[in-house]
């Protein structure tokens, strides 16, 4: 028999969770001199993808982990794919700025790339064809975002610095990543979490709008 009794990790379990969420920051300038093992990083990824929910249990999120030399290869692929488009449309000075930014990501230790497998989305759409496929694509985006924040927070709790990137929006970059790492054509990249060892101080909390303007409560 399955128990319906809520499981509590501890007397302050919700506070512990919220403290972890509040701890996360966007951290740039990380290095590849990490003390966290590859095994632990992979363990975190596996835990997250086995835990985060999805609508109708669609499970459309896919993850590609590149560490060490493979991480450098990943950002070489981004640079090589982005260069022709940026040079042609924006010019040399804009490319230099983008190249410097890409190289700063390359200097990190790892990248966790999050994808959506469109086959899973289409399979669910066939089961519920009365709804447009855009409904299921939106639900998939929601789940993917939950994977992102869970991974990002977990990496920082391990003492790593991380930032969420979307370099695949540069035309050609997604194809470059896909061909370099033999990614299935049905997988569409959504975000890249770049992480490594902190090179400086953690950034302070950014200013947020007051809850009086962002939250409504009704009793």
N, C-alpha and C. Protein backbone atom coordinates (compact mmCIF):
# COMPACT_ATOMS: atom_id res chain seq x y z
N UNK A 1 0.85 -1.19 0.00
CA UNK A 1 0.00 0.00 0.00
C UNK A 1 0.89 1.26 0.00
N UNK A 2 0.52 2.21 -0.84
CA UNK A 2 1.29 3.44 -0.92
C UNK A 2 0.84 4.41 0.16
N UNK A 3 1.80 4.93 0.93
CA UNK A 3 1.47 5.85 2.00
C UNK A 3 1.14 7.23 1.44
N UNK A 4 0.15 7.88 2.03
CA UNK A 4 -0.21 9.25 1.62
C UNK A 4 0.25 10.26 2.65
N UNK A 5 0.99 9.81 3.65
CA UNK A 5 1.49 10.71 4.69
C UNK A 5 2.62 11.57 4.13
N UNK A 6 2.54 12.90 4.24
CA UNK A 6 3.61 13.76 3.72
C UNK A 6 4.94 13.43 4.38
N UNK A 7 5.99 13.46 3.58
CA UNK A 7 7.33 13.21 4.08
C UNK A 7 8.01 14.54 4.36
N UNK A 8 8.46 14.73 5.59
CA UNK A 8 9.17 15.95 5.95
C UNK A 8 10.64 15.62 6.19
N UNK A 9 11.49 16.37 5.55
CA UNK A 9 12.93 16.14 5.69
C UNK A 9 13.39 16.56 7.08
N UNK A 10 12.79 17.61 7.61
CA UNK A 10 13.18 18.11 8.92
C UNK A 10 12.21 19.16 9.38
N UNK A 11 12.34 19.64 10.60
CA UNK A 11 11.38 20.62 11.13
C UNK A 11 11.38 21.94 10.36
N UNK A 12 12.47 22.24 9.69
CA UNK A 12 12.55 23.49 8.93
C UNK A 12 12.79 23.22 7.46
N UNK A 13 12.17 22.17 6.94
CA UNK A 13 12.49 21.73 5.59
C UNK A 13 12.18 22.79 4.53
N UNK A 14 11.04 23.49 4.66
CA UNK A 14 10.74 24.51 3.66
C UNK A 14 11.72 25.67 3.74
N UNK A 15 12.14 26.04 4.95
CA UNK A 15 13.12 27.11 5.11
C UNK A 15 14.45 26.71 4.50
N UNK A 16 14.82 25.47 4.67
CA UNK A 16 16.08 24.99 4.09
C UNK A 16 16.04 25.10 2.57
N UNK A 17 14.92 24.71 1.99
CA UNK A 17 14.76 24.79 0.54
C UNK A 17 14.82 26.24 0.07
N UNK A 18 14.11 27.12 0.74
CA UNK A 18 14.08 28.52 0.33
C UNK A 18 15.45 29.18 0.51
N UNK A 19 16.17 28.79 1.55
CA UNK A 19 17.53 29.31 1.72
C UNK A 19 18.42 28.92 0.55
N UNK A 20 18.25 27.70 0.07
CA UNK A 20 19.04 27.25 -1.08
C UNK A 20 18.70 28.05 -2.33
N UNK A 21 17.41 28.29 -2.55
CA UNK A 21 16.99 29.08 -3.71
C UNK A 21 17.53 30.51 -3.63
N UNK A 22 17.50 31.08 -2.43
CA UNK A 22 17.99 32.46 -2.25
C UNK A 22 19.50 32.55 -2.43
N UNK A 23 20.21 31.45 -2.20
CA UNK A 23 21.67 31.46 -2.28
C UNK A 23 22.16 31.55 -3.73
N UNK A 24 21.39 31.03 -4.66
CA UNK A 24 21.81 30.99 -6.06
C UNK A 24 22.02 32.40 -6.62
N UNK A 25 23.08 32.54 -7.43
CA UNK A 25 23.38 33.80 -8.09
C UNK A 25 23.90 33.52 -9.50
N UNK A 26 23.82 34.52 -10.37
CA UNK A 26 24.50 34.46 -11.65
C UNK A 26 25.96 34.84 -11.43
N UNK A 27 26.86 33.90 -11.70
CA UNK A 27 28.27 34.12 -11.43
C UNK A 27 29.07 33.91 -12.72
N UNK A 28 29.76 34.97 -13.14
CA UNK A 28 30.62 34.90 -14.31
C UNK A 28 32.09 34.78 -13.86
N UNK A 29 32.98 34.64 -14.79
CA UNK A 29 34.38 34.64 -14.47
C UNK A 29 34.85 33.42 -13.70
N UNK A 30 34.21 32.27 -13.90
CA UNK A 30 34.61 31.06 -13.20
C UNK A 30 35.77 30.39 -13.94
N UNK A 31 36.48 29.52 -13.23
CA UNK A 31 37.64 28.84 -13.80
C UNK A 31 37.39 27.34 -13.87
N UNK A 32 38.36 26.62 -14.44
CA UNK A 32 38.22 25.16 -14.56
C UNK A 32 38.94 24.41 -13.44
N UNK A 33 39.35 25.12 -12.41
CA UNK A 33 40.07 24.51 -11.29
C UNK A 33 39.08 24.11 -10.20
N UNK A 34 38.27 23.10 -10.47
CA UNK A 34 37.19 22.73 -9.55
C UNK A 34 37.62 21.60 -8.63
N UNK A 35 37.00 21.54 -7.46
CA UNK A 35 37.27 20.48 -6.50
C UNK A 35 36.14 19.45 -6.44
N UNK A 36 35.02 19.74 -7.07
CA UNK A 36 33.89 18.80 -7.11
C UNK A 36 34.17 17.75 -8.17
N UNK A 37 33.96 16.49 -7.85
CA UNK A 37 34.27 15.41 -8.78
C UNK A 37 33.27 15.34 -9.93
N UNK A 38 33.72 14.78 -11.04
CA UNK A 38 32.81 14.56 -12.17
C UNK A 38 31.66 13.64 -11.74
N UNK A 39 31.99 12.66 -10.92
CA UNK A 39 30.95 11.74 -10.46
C UNK A 39 29.85 12.45 -9.71
N UNK A 40 30.21 13.40 -8.87
CA UNK A 40 29.20 14.14 -8.11
C UNK A 40 28.35 15.00 -9.04
N UNK A 41 28.97 15.63 -10.02
CA UNK A 41 28.22 16.46 -10.98
C UNK A 41 27.22 15.60 -11.74
N UNK A 42 27.65 14.45 -12.20
CA UNK A 42 26.76 13.55 -12.93
C UNK A 42 25.65 13.04 -12.02
N UNK A 43 25.99 12.77 -10.76
CA UNK A 43 24.98 12.33 -9.80
C UNK A 43 23.89 13.39 -9.63
N UNK A 44 24.29 14.66 -9.56
CA UNK A 44 23.32 15.75 -9.43
C UNK A 44 22.40 15.78 -10.64
N UNK A 45 22.98 15.69 -11.83
CA UNK A 45 22.18 15.71 -13.06
C UNK A 45 21.19 14.56 -13.06
N UNK A 46 21.65 13.37 -12.71
CA UNK A 46 20.76 12.20 -12.72
C UNK A 46 19.64 12.34 -11.69
N UNK A 47 19.96 12.87 -10.51
CA UNK A 47 18.95 13.09 -9.48
C UNK A 47 17.88 14.06 -9.97
N UNK A 48 18.33 15.15 -10.59
CA UNK A 48 17.39 16.18 -11.04
C UNK A 48 16.46 15.64 -12.12
N UNK A 49 17.01 14.98 -13.12
CA UNK A 49 16.16 14.54 -14.23
C UNK A 49 15.22 13.41 -13.81
N UNK A 50 15.56 12.71 -12.71
CA UNK A 50 14.69 11.67 -12.19
C UNK A 50 13.66 12.21 -11.20
N UNK A 51 13.75 13.49 -10.86
CA UNK A 51 12.91 14.06 -9.80
C UNK A 51 11.96 15.14 -10.28
N UNK A 52 12.41 16.00 -11.18
CA UNK A 52 11.60 17.15 -11.60
C UNK A 52 10.35 16.68 -12.35
N UNK A 53 9.19 17.26 -12.05
CA UNK A 53 7.94 16.82 -12.70
C UNK A 53 7.77 17.39 -14.11
N UNK A 54 6.86 16.77 -14.84
CA UNK A 54 6.45 17.29 -16.15
C UNK A 54 4.97 16.98 -16.33
N UNK A 55 4.29 17.81 -17.09
CA UNK A 55 2.85 17.62 -17.30
C UNK A 55 2.58 16.27 -17.95
N UNK A 56 1.61 15.54 -17.39
CA UNK A 56 1.26 14.21 -17.87
C UNK A 56 2.48 13.28 -17.87
N UNK A 57 3.46 13.61 -17.05
CA UNK A 57 4.70 12.82 -17.00
C UNK A 57 5.32 12.68 -18.39
N UNK A 58 5.32 13.78 -19.14
CA UNK A 58 5.80 13.78 -20.52
C UNK A 58 7.28 13.43 -20.62
N UNK A 59 8.09 13.90 -19.66
CA UNK A 59 9.53 13.61 -19.61
C UNK A 59 10.22 13.92 -20.94
N UNK A 60 10.04 15.14 -21.41
CA UNK A 60 10.63 15.54 -22.69
C UNK A 60 12.00 16.21 -22.54
N UNK A 61 12.39 16.55 -21.32
CA UNK A 61 13.68 17.21 -21.12
C UNK A 61 14.83 16.23 -21.34
N UNK A 62 15.86 16.70 -22.05
CA UNK A 62 17.07 15.92 -22.27
C UNK A 62 18.26 16.79 -21.83
N UNK A 63 19.30 16.15 -21.33
CA UNK A 63 20.46 16.88 -20.81
C UNK A 63 21.74 16.33 -21.41
N UNK A 64 22.62 17.23 -21.81
CA UNK A 64 23.95 16.87 -22.29
C UNK A 64 24.97 17.52 -21.36
N UNK A 65 25.83 16.71 -20.77
CA UNK A 65 26.85 17.19 -19.84
C UNK A 65 28.21 17.14 -20.53
N UNK A 66 28.89 18.28 -20.60
CA UNK A 66 30.24 18.32 -21.15
C UNK A 66 31.18 18.84 -20.06
N UNK A 67 32.23 18.06 -19.75
CA UNK A 67 33.15 18.38 -18.67
C UNK A 67 34.58 18.39 -19.20
N UNK A 68 35.41 19.24 -18.59
CA UNK A 68 36.83 19.25 -18.93
C UNK A 68 37.07 19.53 -20.40
N UNK A 69 37.77 18.60 -21.08
CA UNK A 69 38.11 18.78 -22.49
C UNK A 69 36.86 18.85 -23.36
N UNK A 70 35.84 18.08 -23.02
CA UNK A 70 34.60 18.12 -23.80
C UNK A 70 33.91 19.48 -23.68
N UNK A 71 34.03 20.11 -22.51
CA UNK A 71 33.48 21.45 -22.32
C UNK A 71 34.19 22.45 -23.23
N UNK A 72 35.52 22.37 -23.32
CA UNK A 72 36.27 23.25 -24.21
C UNK A 72 35.84 23.02 -25.66
N UNK A 73 35.63 21.76 -26.01
CA UNK A 73 35.18 21.41 -27.35
C UNK A 73 33.81 21.99 -27.64
N UNK A 74 32.95 21.99 -26.62
CA UNK A 74 31.60 22.55 -26.77
C UNK A 74 31.68 24.02 -27.16
N UNK A 75 32.49 24.79 -26.43
CA UNK A 75 32.55 26.23 -26.72
C UNK A 75 33.35 26.55 -27.98
N UNK A 76 34.27 25.67 -28.38
CA UNK A 76 34.90 25.83 -29.69
C UNK A 76 33.86 25.67 -30.78
N UNK A 77 32.94 24.72 -30.59
CA UNK A 77 31.86 24.52 -31.57
C UNK A 77 30.96 25.75 -31.64
N UNK A 78 30.65 26.34 -30.48
CA UNK A 78 29.83 27.56 -30.45
C UNK A 78 30.55 28.69 -31.19
N UNK A 79 31.83 28.89 -30.90
CA UNK A 79 32.60 29.97 -31.51
C UNK A 79 32.68 29.78 -33.02
N UNK A 80 33.00 28.57 -33.46
CA UNK A 80 33.14 28.32 -34.90
C UNK A 80 31.83 28.49 -35.64
N UNK A 81 30.73 28.13 -34.97
CA UNK A 81 29.42 28.25 -35.62
C UNK A 81 28.91 29.69 -35.62
N UNK A 82 29.20 30.43 -34.56
CA UNK A 82 28.69 31.80 -34.44
C UNK A 82 29.47 32.81 -35.28
N UNK A 83 30.76 32.56 -35.46
CA UNK A 83 31.63 33.54 -36.11
C UNK A 83 31.11 34.01 -37.47
N UNK A 84 30.77 33.13 -38.42
CA UNK A 84 30.35 33.61 -39.75
C UNK A 84 29.13 34.52 -39.69
N UNK A 85 28.14 34.14 -38.87
CA UNK A 85 26.92 34.96 -38.81
C UNK A 85 27.19 36.33 -38.20
N UNK A 86 27.91 36.38 -37.09
CA UNK A 86 28.14 37.65 -36.41
C UNK A 86 29.02 38.56 -37.27
N UNK A 87 30.06 38.01 -37.89
CA UNK A 87 30.92 38.83 -38.74
C UNK A 87 30.15 39.41 -39.92
N UNK A 88 29.27 38.60 -40.51
CA UNK A 88 28.53 39.04 -41.70
C UNK A 88 27.46 40.07 -41.35
N UNK A 89 26.80 39.90 -40.21
CA UNK A 89 25.65 40.76 -39.89
C UNK A 89 26.01 41.92 -38.96
N UNK A 90 27.03 41.74 -38.12
CA UNK A 90 27.34 42.75 -37.11
C UNK A 90 28.71 43.39 -37.28
N UNK A 91 29.65 42.66 -37.87
CA UNK A 91 30.97 43.22 -38.09
C UNK A 91 32.02 42.75 -37.09
N UNK A 92 33.25 43.18 -37.33
CA UNK A 92 34.41 42.71 -36.57
C UNK A 92 34.35 43.09 -35.10
N UNK A 93 33.97 44.34 -34.79
CA UNK A 93 33.98 44.78 -33.40
C UNK A 93 32.95 44.01 -32.57
N UNK A 94 31.79 43.76 -33.17
CA UNK A 94 30.77 43.00 -32.44
C UNK A 94 31.20 41.56 -32.25
N UNK A 95 31.88 41.00 -33.27
CA UNK A 95 32.37 39.63 -33.12
C UNK A 95 33.40 39.54 -32.00
N UNK A 96 34.31 40.54 -31.90
CA UNK A 96 35.32 40.51 -30.85
C UNK A 96 34.67 40.47 -29.47
N UNK A 97 33.61 41.25 -29.30
CA UNK A 97 32.90 41.27 -28.03
C UNK A 97 32.28 39.90 -27.73
N UNK A 98 31.65 39.30 -28.75
CA UNK A 98 31.04 37.99 -28.55
C UNK A 98 32.09 36.90 -28.35
N UNK A 99 33.19 36.99 -29.08
CA UNK A 99 34.25 36.00 -28.93
C UNK A 99 34.83 36.03 -27.52
N UNK A 100 35.03 37.23 -26.99
CA UNK A 100 35.54 37.34 -25.62
C UNK A 100 34.56 36.71 -24.62
N UNK A 101 33.27 36.93 -24.85
CA UNK A 101 32.26 36.36 -23.95
C UNK A 101 32.25 34.83 -24.04
N UNK A 102 32.31 34.30 -25.26
CA UNK A 102 32.34 32.84 -25.44
C UNK A 102 33.60 32.24 -24.81
N UNK A 103 34.72 32.92 -24.95
CA UNK A 103 35.96 32.41 -24.38
C UNK A 103 35.93 32.42 -22.86
N UNK A 104 35.19 33.38 -22.28
CA UNK A 104 35.06 33.39 -20.82
C UNK A 104 34.27 32.17 -20.35
N UNK A 105 33.30 31.74 -21.14
CA UNK A 105 32.55 30.52 -20.81
C UNK A 105 33.44 29.29 -21.02
N UNK A 106 34.26 29.32 -22.06
CA UNK A 106 35.16 28.21 -22.33
C UNK A 106 36.16 28.02 -21.19
N UNK A 107 36.50 29.09 -20.49
CA UNK A 107 37.46 29.01 -19.39
C UNK A 107 36.90 28.28 -18.17
N UNK A 108 35.59 28.05 -18.15
CA UNK A 108 34.96 27.33 -17.04
C UNK A 108 35.29 25.84 -17.14
N UNK A 109 34.70 25.04 -16.25
CA UNK A 109 34.99 23.61 -16.24
C UNK A 109 33.96 22.78 -16.99
N UNK A 110 32.69 23.20 -16.94
CA UNK A 110 31.67 22.36 -17.54
C UNK A 110 30.46 23.13 -18.03
N UNK A 111 29.70 22.49 -18.87
CA UNK A 111 28.43 23.03 -19.36
C UNK A 111 27.38 21.93 -19.30
N UNK A 112 26.25 22.27 -18.71
CA UNK A 112 25.09 21.38 -18.73
C UNK A 112 24.09 22.00 -19.71
N UNK A 113 23.88 21.34 -20.83
CA UNK A 113 22.96 21.85 -21.85
C UNK A 113 21.62 21.14 -21.72
N UNK A 114 20.57 21.94 -21.71
CA UNK A 114 19.22 21.38 -21.57
C UNK A 114 18.48 21.47 -22.89
N UNK A 115 17.90 20.36 -23.28
CA UNK A 115 17.18 20.24 -24.54
C UNK A 115 15.74 19.80 -24.28
N UNK A 116 14.93 19.90 -25.31
CA UNK A 116 13.61 19.29 -25.32
C UNK A 116 13.53 18.34 -26.51
N UNK A 117 13.08 17.13 -26.25
CA UNK A 117 12.92 16.14 -27.30
C UNK A 117 11.52 16.27 -27.89
N UNK A 118 11.45 16.75 -29.12
CA UNK A 118 10.14 17.01 -29.72
C UNK A 118 9.34 15.74 -29.95
N UNK A 119 10.02 14.61 -30.03
CA UNK A 119 9.30 13.34 -30.19
C UNK A 119 8.38 13.08 -29.01
N UNK A 120 8.87 13.35 -27.80
CA UNK A 120 8.05 13.15 -26.60
C UNK A 120 6.84 14.08 -26.61
N UNK A 121 7.05 15.30 -27.07
CA UNK A 121 5.95 16.27 -27.14
C UNK A 121 4.92 15.82 -28.16
N UNK A 122 5.37 15.35 -29.31
CA UNK A 122 4.45 14.89 -30.35
C UNK A 122 3.68 13.65 -29.89
N UNK A 123 4.34 12.77 -29.16
CA UNK A 123 3.66 11.56 -28.68
C UNK A 123 2.50 11.92 -27.75
N UNK A 124 2.74 12.90 -26.87
CA UNK A 124 1.66 13.30 -25.96
C UNK A 124 0.55 14.02 -26.72
N UNK A 125 0.93 14.78 -27.73
CA UNK A 125 -0.08 15.48 -28.54
C UNK A 125 -0.98 14.48 -29.25
N UNK A 126 -0.44 13.38 -29.69
CA UNK A 126 -1.26 12.36 -30.35
C UNK A 126 -2.28 11.76 -29.39
N UNK A 127 -1.92 11.67 -28.11
CA UNK A 127 -2.85 11.13 -27.11
C UNK A 127 -3.98 12.12 -26.81
N UNK A 128 -3.68 13.40 -26.92
CA UNK A 128 -4.66 14.45 -26.60
C UNK A 128 -4.74 15.43 -27.76
N UNK A 129 -5.13 14.92 -28.91
CA UNK A 129 -5.09 15.70 -30.14
C UNK A 129 -6.12 16.82 -30.19
N UNK A 130 -7.04 16.83 -29.20
CA UNK A 130 -8.02 17.91 -29.17
C UNK A 130 -7.39 19.24 -28.81
N UNK A 131 -6.15 19.20 -28.27
CA UNK A 131 -5.43 20.42 -27.94
C UNK A 131 -4.35 20.70 -28.98
N UNK A 132 -4.09 21.95 -29.29
CA UNK A 132 -3.00 22.26 -30.23
C UNK A 132 -1.65 21.86 -29.63
N UNK A 133 -0.70 21.53 -30.48
CA UNK A 133 0.60 21.07 -30.00
C UNK A 133 1.33 22.15 -29.21
N UNK A 134 0.99 23.42 -29.46
CA UNK A 134 1.63 24.51 -28.72
C UNK A 134 1.37 24.41 -27.22
N UNK A 135 0.24 23.81 -26.84
CA UNK A 135 -0.05 23.61 -25.42
C UNK A 135 1.02 22.73 -24.78
N UNK A 136 1.37 21.64 -25.45
CA UNK A 136 2.33 20.70 -24.90
C UNK A 136 3.75 21.25 -24.98
N UNK A 137 4.01 22.05 -26.00
CA UNK A 137 5.32 22.71 -26.09
C UNK A 137 5.51 23.67 -24.93
N UNK A 138 4.44 24.37 -24.55
CA UNK A 138 4.51 25.28 -23.40
C UNK A 138 4.73 24.51 -22.11
N UNK A 139 4.01 23.41 -21.94
CA UNK A 139 4.19 22.59 -20.74
C UNK A 139 5.63 22.07 -20.66
N UNK A 140 6.18 21.69 -21.79
CA UNK A 140 7.56 21.19 -21.83
C UNK A 140 8.54 22.28 -21.40
N UNK A 141 8.30 23.51 -21.84
CA UNK A 141 9.15 24.64 -21.45
C UNK A 141 9.10 24.83 -19.94
N UNK A 142 7.93 24.67 -19.35
CA UNK A 142 7.80 24.82 -17.90
C UNK A 142 8.67 23.81 -17.18
N UNK A 143 8.61 22.56 -17.60
CA UNK A 143 9.40 21.52 -16.95
C UNK A 143 10.89 21.76 -17.15
N UNK A 144 11.26 22.18 -18.36
CA UNK A 144 12.67 22.45 -18.64
C UNK A 144 13.21 23.54 -17.72
N UNK A 145 12.40 24.57 -17.50
CA UNK A 145 12.81 25.65 -16.61
C UNK A 145 13.00 25.17 -15.18
N UNK A 146 12.15 24.24 -14.74
CA UNK A 146 12.31 23.68 -13.40
C UNK A 146 13.62 22.89 -13.29
N UNK A 147 13.97 22.17 -14.35
CA UNK A 147 15.26 21.47 -14.36
C UNK A 147 16.41 22.48 -14.24
N UNK A 148 16.27 23.58 -14.95
CA UNK A 148 17.34 24.59 -14.95
C UNK A 148 17.60 25.15 -13.56
N UNK A 149 16.56 25.57 -12.86
CA UNK A 149 16.76 26.19 -11.55
C UNK A 149 17.24 25.15 -10.53
N UNK A 150 16.77 23.91 -10.65
CA UNK A 150 17.21 22.87 -9.73
C UNK A 150 18.69 22.57 -9.93
N UNK A 151 19.12 22.42 -11.16
CA UNK A 151 20.53 22.15 -11.44
C UNK A 151 21.42 23.31 -11.02
N UNK A 152 21.00 24.52 -11.36
CA UNK A 152 21.76 25.72 -11.05
C UNK A 152 21.96 25.85 -9.54
N UNK A 153 20.90 25.67 -8.79
CA UNK A 153 20.98 25.78 -7.33
C UNK A 153 21.86 24.69 -6.75
N UNK A 154 21.69 23.45 -7.22
CA UNK A 154 22.48 22.34 -6.69
C UNK A 154 23.96 22.54 -6.94
N UNK A 155 24.33 23.02 -8.11
CA UNK A 155 25.74 23.26 -8.41
C UNK A 155 26.33 24.30 -7.47
N UNK A 156 25.57 25.36 -7.19
CA UNK A 156 26.08 26.40 -6.30
C UNK A 156 26.21 25.89 -4.86
N UNK A 157 25.31 25.01 -4.45
CA UNK A 157 25.42 24.45 -3.11
C UNK A 157 26.64 23.54 -2.97
N UNK A 158 27.17 23.08 -4.10
CA UNK A 158 28.40 22.29 -4.09
C UNK A 158 29.64 23.18 -4.09
N UNK A 159 29.43 24.49 -4.07
CA UNK A 159 30.55 25.42 -4.05
C UNK A 159 31.00 25.90 -5.40
N UNK A 160 30.23 25.61 -6.44
CA UNK A 160 30.56 26.03 -7.80
C UNK A 160 29.84 27.32 -8.15
N UNK A 161 30.41 28.09 -9.06
CA UNK A 161 29.74 29.26 -9.60
C UNK A 161 29.13 28.91 -10.95
N UNK A 162 27.96 29.46 -11.24
CA UNK A 162 27.29 29.10 -12.49
C UNK A 162 26.50 30.28 -13.05
N UNK A 163 26.25 30.21 -14.35
CA UNK A 163 25.39 31.19 -15.01
C UNK A 163 24.58 30.48 -16.08
N UNK A 164 23.41 31.01 -16.36
CA UNK A 164 22.51 30.44 -17.36
C UNK A 164 22.68 31.21 -18.66
N UNK A 165 23.01 30.50 -19.73
CA UNK A 165 23.27 31.12 -21.02
C UNK A 165 22.31 30.61 -22.09
N UNK A 166 22.20 31.40 -23.17
CA UNK A 166 21.33 31.02 -24.30
C UNK A 166 22.06 31.34 -25.60
N UNK A 167 23.28 30.85 -25.71
CA UNK A 167 24.11 31.14 -26.88
C UNK A 167 23.58 30.51 -28.15
N UNK A 168 22.71 29.52 -28.01
CA UNK A 168 22.17 28.83 -29.17
C UNK A 168 21.25 29.71 -30.00
N UNK A 169 20.87 30.88 -29.48
CA UNK A 169 20.02 31.77 -30.26
C UNK A 169 20.76 32.40 -31.44
N UNK A 170 22.08 32.37 -31.42
CA UNK A 170 22.84 32.84 -32.59
C UNK A 170 22.65 31.82 -33.71
N UNK A 171 22.17 32.24 -34.86
CA UNK A 171 21.94 31.29 -35.95
C UNK A 171 23.18 30.45 -36.26
N UNK A 172 22.98 29.17 -36.41
CA UNK A 172 24.06 28.25 -36.72
C UNK A 172 24.65 27.54 -35.52
N UNK A 173 24.49 28.14 -34.32
CA UNK A 173 25.12 27.57 -33.13
C UNK A 173 24.48 26.23 -32.74
N UNK A 174 23.16 26.17 -32.77
CA UNK A 174 22.52 24.91 -32.39
C UNK A 174 22.94 23.78 -33.31
N UNK A 175 23.01 24.05 -34.60
CA UNK A 175 23.47 23.02 -35.55
C UNK A 175 24.92 22.63 -35.27
N UNK A 176 25.74 23.62 -34.88
CA UNK A 176 27.14 23.33 -34.57
C UNK A 176 27.27 22.43 -33.37
N UNK A 177 26.48 22.69 -32.33
CA UNK A 177 26.48 21.85 -31.13
C UNK A 177 25.98 20.45 -31.47
N UNK A 178 24.90 20.40 -32.24
CA UNK A 178 24.29 19.10 -32.57
C UNK A 178 25.26 18.22 -33.36
N UNK A 179 25.94 18.79 -34.34
CA UNK A 179 26.84 17.98 -35.16
C UNK A 179 28.10 17.58 -34.41
N UNK A 180 28.60 18.45 -33.54
CA UNK A 180 29.83 18.16 -32.80
C UNK A 180 29.63 17.02 -31.82
N UNK A 181 28.46 16.95 -31.20
CA UNK A 181 28.22 15.94 -30.17
C UNK A 181 27.18 14.90 -30.57
N UNK A 182 26.86 14.83 -31.85
CA UNK A 182 25.95 13.81 -32.36
C UNK A 182 24.62 13.83 -31.60
N UNK A 183 24.03 15.02 -31.50
CA UNK A 183 22.75 15.19 -30.83
C UNK A 183 21.62 14.87 -31.81
N UNK A 184 20.62 14.10 -31.40
CA UNK A 184 19.52 13.76 -32.31
C UNK A 184 18.83 15.01 -32.86
N UNK A 185 18.38 14.96 -34.09
CA UNK A 185 17.74 16.13 -34.71
C UNK A 185 16.43 16.53 -34.05
N UNK A 186 15.82 15.64 -33.28
CA UNK A 186 14.57 15.96 -32.60
C UNK A 186 14.80 16.71 -31.29
N UNK A 187 16.05 16.82 -30.85
CA UNK A 187 16.36 17.55 -29.62
C UNK A 187 16.61 19.01 -29.93
N UNK A 188 15.92 19.89 -29.24
CA UNK A 188 16.08 21.33 -29.43
C UNK A 188 16.65 21.95 -28.16
N UNK A 189 17.79 22.63 -28.27
CA UNK A 189 18.45 23.18 -27.09
C UNK A 189 17.69 24.39 -26.56
N UNK A 190 17.62 24.48 -25.22
CA UNK A 190 16.88 25.55 -24.56
C UNK A 190 17.78 26.45 -23.72
N UNK A 191 18.85 25.90 -23.14
CA UNK A 191 19.70 26.71 -22.27
C UNK A 191 20.99 25.96 -21.99
N UNK A 192 22.01 26.73 -21.58
CA UNK A 192 23.28 26.14 -21.18
C UNK A 192 23.66 26.69 -19.81
N UNK A 193 23.93 25.80 -18.87
CA UNK A 193 24.42 26.20 -17.55
C UNK A 193 25.93 26.03 -17.56
N UNK A 194 26.64 27.15 -17.50
CA UNK A 194 28.11 27.14 -17.51
C UNK A 194 28.58 27.23 -16.06
N UNK A 195 29.50 26.36 -15.66
CA UNK A 195 29.89 26.36 -14.25
C UNK A 195 31.38 26.06 -14.08
N UNK A 196 31.90 26.49 -12.94
CA UNK A 196 33.29 26.26 -12.61
C UNK A 196 33.59 26.77 -11.22
N UNK A 197 34.87 26.90 -10.91
CA UNK A 197 35.29 27.40 -9.60
C UNK A 197 35.17 28.92 -9.56
N UNK A 198 34.76 29.44 -8.41
CA UNK A 198 34.63 30.89 -8.27
C UNK A 198 36.00 31.55 -8.37
N UNK A 199 36.08 32.61 -9.17
CA UNK A 199 37.34 33.34 -9.33
C UNK A 199 37.37 34.60 -8.47
N UNK A 200 36.25 34.96 -7.87
CA UNK A 200 36.18 36.17 -7.06
C UNK A 200 35.07 36.07 -6.05
N UNK A 201 34.62 37.21 -5.55
CA UNK A 201 33.55 37.23 -4.56
C UNK A 201 32.20 36.91 -5.20
N UNK A 202 31.31 36.34 -4.41
CA UNK A 202 29.95 36.11 -4.88
C UNK A 202 29.24 37.45 -5.04
N UNK A 203 28.44 37.62 -6.08
CA UNK A 203 27.70 38.88 -6.24
C UNK A 203 26.63 39.04 -5.19
N UNK A 204 26.28 40.28 -4.92
CA UNK A 204 25.23 40.56 -3.94
C UNK A 204 23.86 40.32 -4.57
N UNK A 205 22.87 40.23 -3.72
CA UNK A 205 21.50 40.01 -4.20
C UNK A 205 21.02 41.21 -4.99
N UNK A 206 20.49 41.01 -6.21
CA UNK A 206 19.97 42.13 -6.98
C UNK A 206 18.68 42.67 -6.37
N UNK A 207 18.41 43.92 -6.64
CA UNK A 207 17.20 44.54 -6.10
C UNK A 207 15.96 43.96 -6.77
N UNK A 208 14.96 43.67 -5.97
CA UNK A 208 13.71 43.12 -6.47
C UNK A 208 12.57 44.11 -6.21
N UNK A 209 11.56 44.04 -7.05
CA UNK A 209 10.39 44.88 -6.85
C UNK A 209 9.70 44.48 -5.54
N UNK A 210 9.09 45.42 -4.85
CA UNK A 210 8.41 45.07 -3.59
C UNK A 210 7.26 44.11 -3.84
N UNK A 211 7.06 43.17 -2.89
CA UNK A 211 6.00 42.18 -3.06
C UNK A 211 4.62 42.83 -3.12
N UNK A 212 4.51 44.04 -2.62
CA UNK A 212 3.21 44.72 -2.69
C UNK A 212 2.79 44.99 -4.12
N UNK A 213 3.76 45.00 -5.05
CA UNK A 213 3.44 45.24 -6.46
C UNK A 213 3.45 43.96 -7.29
N UNK A 214 3.93 42.86 -6.73
CA UNK A 214 4.07 41.63 -7.52
C UNK A 214 3.25 40.46 -6.99
N UNK A 215 2.66 40.59 -5.82
CA UNK A 215 1.89 39.50 -5.21
C UNK A 215 0.53 40.00 -4.77
N UNK A 216 -0.51 39.26 -5.09
CA UNK A 216 -1.86 39.55 -4.62
C UNK A 216 -2.33 38.38 -3.77
N UNK A 217 -2.88 38.65 -2.60
CA UNK A 217 -3.37 37.62 -1.69
C UNK A 217 -4.83 37.88 -1.40
N UNK A 218 -5.64 36.83 -1.49
CA UNK A 218 -7.06 36.94 -1.18
C UNK A 218 -7.43 35.91 -0.11
N UNK A 219 -8.22 36.32 0.88
CA UNK A 219 -8.64 35.42 1.95
C UNK A 219 -10.15 35.15 1.82
